[in-house]
C-alpha atoms as a PDB file:
ATOM      1  CA  MET A   1       2.124  13.929   1.886  1.00  0.00           C
ATOM      2  CA  ASN A   2       2.945  11.693   4.800  1.00  0.00           C
ATOM      3  CA  TRP A   3       1.690   8.251   5.722  1.00  0.00           C
ATOM      4  CA  ASN A   4      -0.475   9.572   8.581  1.00  0.00           C
ATOM      5  CA  GLN A   5      -2.583  11.425   6.025  1.00  0.00           C
ATOM      6  CA  ILE A   6      -2.997   8.293   3.941  1.00  0.00           C
ATOM      7  CA  GLU A   7      -3.863   6.215   6.979  1.00  0.00           C
ATOM      8  CA  GLY A   8      -6.455   8.756   8.076  1.00  0.00           C
ATOM      9  CA  ASN A   9      -8.040   8.866   4.620  1.00  0.00           C
ATOM     10  CA  TRP A  10      -7.566   5.227   3.708  1.00  0.00           C
ATOM     11  CA  GLU A  11     -10.976   4.831   2.078  1.00  0.00           C
ATOM     12  CA  GLN A  12     -10.075   7.586  -0.394  1.00  0.00           C
ATOM     13  CA  PHE A  13      -6.645   6.136  -1.156  1.00  0.00           C
ATOM     14  CA  LYS A  14      -7.631   2.498  -1.573  1.00  0.00           C
ATOM     15  CA  GLY A  15      -8.440   3.008  -5.256  1.00  0.00           C
ATOM     16  CA  LYS A  16      -5.124   4.698  -5.935  1.00  0.00           C
ATOM     17  CA  VAL A  17      -3.285   1.898  -4.169  1.00  0.00           C
ATOM     18  CA  GLN A  18      -5.154  -0.694  -6.193  1.00  0.00           C
ATOM     19  CA  GLN A  19      -4.387   1.169  -9.434  1.00  0.00           C
ATOM     20  CA  ASN A  20      -0.702   1.013  -8.619  1.00  0.00           C
ATOM     21  CA  TRP A  21      -0.681  -2.581  -7.337  1.00  0.00           C
ATOM     22  CA  GLY A  22      -3.427  -4.352  -9.263  1.00  0.00           C
ATOM     23  CA  LYS A  23      -2.831  -7.750  -7.676  1.00  0.00           C
ATOM     24  CA  LEU A  24      -4.090  -6.440  -4.336  1.00  0.00           C
ATOM     25  CA  THR A  25      -7.714  -7.372  -3.799  1.00  0.00           C
ATOM     26  CA  ASN A  26     -10.375  -5.362  -2.014  1.00  0.00           C
ATOM     27  CA  ASP A  27     -10.099  -7.851   0.826  1.00  0.00           C
ATOM     28  CA  ASP A  28      -6.339  -7.215   0.997  1.00  0.00           C
ATOM     29  CA  LEU A  29      -6.953  -3.482   1.220  1.00  0.00           C
ATOM     30  CA  ASP A  30      -9.578  -3.970   3.909  1.00  0.00           C
ATOM     31  CA  VAL A  31      -7.017  -5.910   5.952  1.00  0.00           C
ATOM     32  CA  VAL A  32      -4.353  -3.236   5.388  1.00  0.00           C
ATOM     33  CA  ARG A  33      -6.675  -0.421   6.623  1.00  0.00           C
ATOM     34  CA  GLY A  34      -3.948   2.149   6.001  1.00  0.00           C
ATOM     35  CA  ASN A  35      -1.258   0.303   7.957  1.00  0.00           C
ATOM     36  CA  ARG A  36       2.005   0.697   6.074  1.00  0.00           C
ATOM     37  CA  LYS A  37       3.552  -2.498   7.444  1.00  0.00           C
ATOM     38  CA  GLU A  38       0.464  -4.460   6.440  1.00  0.00           C
ATOM     39  CA  LEU A  39       0.657  -2.971   2.940  1.00  0.00           C
ATOM     40  CA  ALA A  40       4.321  -3.942   2.648  1.00  0.00           C
ATOM     41  CA  GLY A  41       3.434  -7.448   3.798  1.00  0.00           C
ATOM     42  CA  LYS A  42       0.676  -7.765   1.209  1.00  0.00           C
ATOM     43  CA  LEU A  43       3.036  -6.551  -1.520  1.00  0.00           C
ATOM     44  CA  GLN A  44       5.545  -9.189  -0.451  1.00  0.00           C
ATOM     45  CA  GLU A  45       2.847 -11.847  -0.470  1.00  0.00           C
ATOM     46  CA  ARG A  46       1.195 -10.960  -3.800  1.00  0.00           C
ATOM     47  CA  TYR A  47       4.277  -9.937  -5.767  1.00  0.00           C
ATOM     48  CA  GLY A  48       7.013 -12.052  -4.148  1.00  0.00           C
ATOM     49  CA  LYS A  49       9.019  -8.957  -3.241  1.00  0.00           C
ATOM     50  CA  ALA A  50      11.609  -8.589  -0.516  1.00  0.00           C
ATOM     51  CA  GLN A  51      10.658  -6.345   2.396  1.00  0.00           C
ATOM     52  CA  GLU A  52      13.138  -3.656   1.362  1.00  0.00           C
ATOM     53  CA  GLU A  53      11.804  -3.620  -2.189  1.00  0.00           C
ATOM     54  CA  ALA A  54       8.199  -3.352  -0.994  1.00  0.00           C
ATOM     55  CA  GLU A  55       9.131  -0.486   1.343  1.00  0.00           C
ATOM     56  CA  ARG A  56      10.956   1.293  -1.490  1.00  0.00           C
ATOM     57  CA  GLU A  57       7.938   0.973  -3.773  1.00  0.00           C
ATOM     58  CA  ILE A  58       5.685   2.395  -1.072  1.00  0.00           C
ATOM     59  CA  ASP A  59       8.090   5.326  -0.614  1.00  0.00           C
ATOM     60  CA  ASP A  60       8.120   5.960  -4.376  1.00  0.00           C
ATOM     61  CA  TRP A  61       4.330   5.822  -4.535  1.00  0.00           C
ATOM     62  CA  LEU A  62       4.015   8.112  -1.521  1.00  0.00           C
ATOM     63  CA  SER A  63       6.337  10.700  -3.089  1.00  0.00           C
ATOM     64  CA  ARG A  64       4.030  10.872  -6.143  1.00  0.00           C
ATOM     65  CA  HIS A  65       0.895  11.593  -4.080  1.00  0.00           C
END
């Protein structure tokens, strides 16, 4: 699966994202709206991760879906 598919079906994937990163709120996910850079930014903000680490986690998650 690629990110375009997730972005296009964001409403369906929000729950899966929140299962993986429980500190993200519904409001966070509404702001993200499927934008990968926004998701990485929220992961950095909520989890105190570096940008590279957040991007790596997103890649790992994407490879599992």
